[in-house]
Protein backbone atom coordinates (compact mmCIF):
# COMPACT_ATOMS: atom_id res chain seq x y z
CA MET A 1 85.07 -12.56 -26.29
CA ARG A 2 81.74 -11.77 -24.71
CA VAL A 3 79.18 -9.05 -25.49
CA THR A 4 77.12 -7.76 -22.59
CA HIS A 5 74.45 -5.10 -22.23
CA GLN A 6 74.33 -2.90 -19.14
CA ALA A 7 70.76 -2.01 -18.29
CA GLU A 8 70.00 1.12 -16.29
CA HIS A 9 69.24 -1.09 -13.27
CA GLY A 10 70.47 -4.55 -12.41
CA PRO A 11 73.44 -6.63 -13.44
CA PRO A 12 74.85 -6.71 -16.99
CA LYS A 13 73.11 -9.18 -19.28
CA GLU A 14 75.24 -11.44 -21.45
CA LEU A 15 74.15 -11.17 -25.08
CA PHE A 16 76.68 -13.35 -26.93
CA GLU A 17 79.87 -15.28 -26.22
CA VAL A 18 82.18 -16.96 -28.73
CA GLY A 19 81.77 -20.74 -28.72
CA LYS A 20 78.30 -20.70 -27.16
CA SER A 21 75.16 -21.95 -28.88
CA TYR A 22 71.94 -19.88 -28.94
CA PRO A 23 68.34 -20.65 -29.94
CA VAL A 24 66.89 -18.92 -32.99
CA GLN A 25 63.21 -17.96 -33.23
CA ALA A 26 61.29 -16.74 -36.26
CA ASP A 27 59.73 -14.06 -34.04
CA VAL A 28 59.69 -13.10 -30.37
CA GLY A 29 57.75 -15.60 -28.28
CA GLN A 30 57.66 -18.29 -30.96
CA LYS A 31 59.03 -21.80 -30.70
CA THR A 32 62.77 -22.26 -31.27
CA ALA A 33 63.41 -22.96 -34.95
CA GLY A 34 67.05 -23.99 -34.54
CA ARG A 35 70.36 -23.00 -32.99
CA ILE A 36 73.45 -21.03 -34.01
CA THR A 37 76.97 -21.11 -32.60
CA VAL A 38 78.84 -17.81 -32.30
CA THR A 39 82.27 -18.08 -33.96
CA ALA A 40 83.58 -14.49 -33.72
CA ILE A 41 82.68 -11.10 -32.28
CA ARG A 42 84.27 -7.77 -33.14
CA ARG A 43 83.52 -4.05 -33.39
CA GLU A 44 84.00 -2.15 -36.59
CA PRO A 45 82.77 1.03 -38.29
CA LEU A 46 79.40 0.52 -39.99
CA GLN A 47 80.78 1.57 -43.37
CA ALA A 48 83.38 -1.24 -43.23
CA ILE A 49 80.69 -3.67 -44.43
CA SER A 50 81.56 -5.19 -47.78
CA ALA A 51 79.22 -5.62 -50.73
CA ALA A 52 79.69 -9.40 -50.33
CA ASP A 53 78.34 -9.22 -46.75
CA LEU A 54 75.19 -7.26 -47.63
CA PRO A 55 72.97 -10.26 -48.51
CA GLN A 56 73.65 -11.82 -45.10
CA GLU A 57 72.78 -8.61 -43.30
CA LEU A 58 69.51 -7.75 -44.92
CA PRO A 59 68.06 -10.09 -47.52
CA PRO A 60 65.54 -8.46 -49.88
CA ALA A 61 61.88 -8.81 -48.94
CA PRO A 62 60.12 -11.71 -50.71
CA GLU A 63 58.22 -9.32 -52.98
CA GLU A 64 61.47 -7.73 -54.15
CA ASP A 65 63.58 -9.40 -56.81
CA ALA A 66 66.18 -6.65 -56.57
CA GLU A 67 69.72 -7.46 -55.53
CA MET A 68 70.86 -5.94 -52.24
CA THR A 69 72.92 -2.83 -52.98
CA PRO A 70 74.91 -0.56 -50.68
CA GLU A 71 72.30 2.17 -51.28
CA THR A 72 69.43 -0.15 -50.26
CA PHE A 73 71.29 -1.19 -47.12
CA GLN A 74 72.09 2.43 -46.23
CA ALA A 75 68.46 3.49 -46.62
CA HIS A 76 67.22 0.57 -44.51
CA TRP A 77 69.86 1.23 -41.82
CA ASP A 78 68.84 4.89 -41.62
CA SER A 79 65.15 3.94 -41.33
CA LEU A 80 65.92 1.63 -38.38
CA HIS A 81 68.56 3.80 -36.67
CA PRO A 82 67.70 7.48 -37.17
CA ASN A 83 69.87 8.48 -34.18
CA HIS A 84 72.90 6.67 -35.64
CA PRO A 85 72.69 7.35 -39.41
CA TRP A 86 74.96 5.89 -42.07
CA PRO A 87 76.91 9.17 -42.66
CA ASP A 88 77.98 9.18 -38.97
CA ASN A 89 79.67 5.78 -39.51
CA PRO A 90 78.90 4.49 -35.99
CA GLU A 91 80.78 1.58 -34.43
CA VAL A 92 78.73 -1.64 -34.64
CA TRP A 93 79.07 -5.14 -33.23
CA VAL A 94 79.71 -7.85 -35.80
CA VAL A 95 78.62 -11.28 -34.56
CA GLU A 96 79.65 -14.14 -36.85
CA PHE A 97 78.01 -17.51 -36.40
CA LYS A 98 77.64 -20.91 -37.97
CA LEU A 99 74.52 -22.95 -38.50
CA PRO A 100 74.45 -26.57 -37.31
CA PHE A 101 74.37 -27.85 -40.89
CA SER A 102 77.11 -25.54 -42.25
């Protein structure tokens, strides 16, 4: 499976493809810190996320010792995506990957 993004102008841009390896940067424009390999891609409703998956989605900030909860994730999601809030249960892309050392 392949995920592409269609810009308003120009050809579609490939974002991810299963089996391909991609560089990972700490921040935009920084040196590559490592690589990941995409193992699966699927679409699912946002609210299908399990409590076990929450820590991988949004780890707590270093200053927070609190465990990631569904409520914390929902609040953070809504702050990042005000046009697609949690109650609307939008479809999201789930991209699973493995690290080279996993």
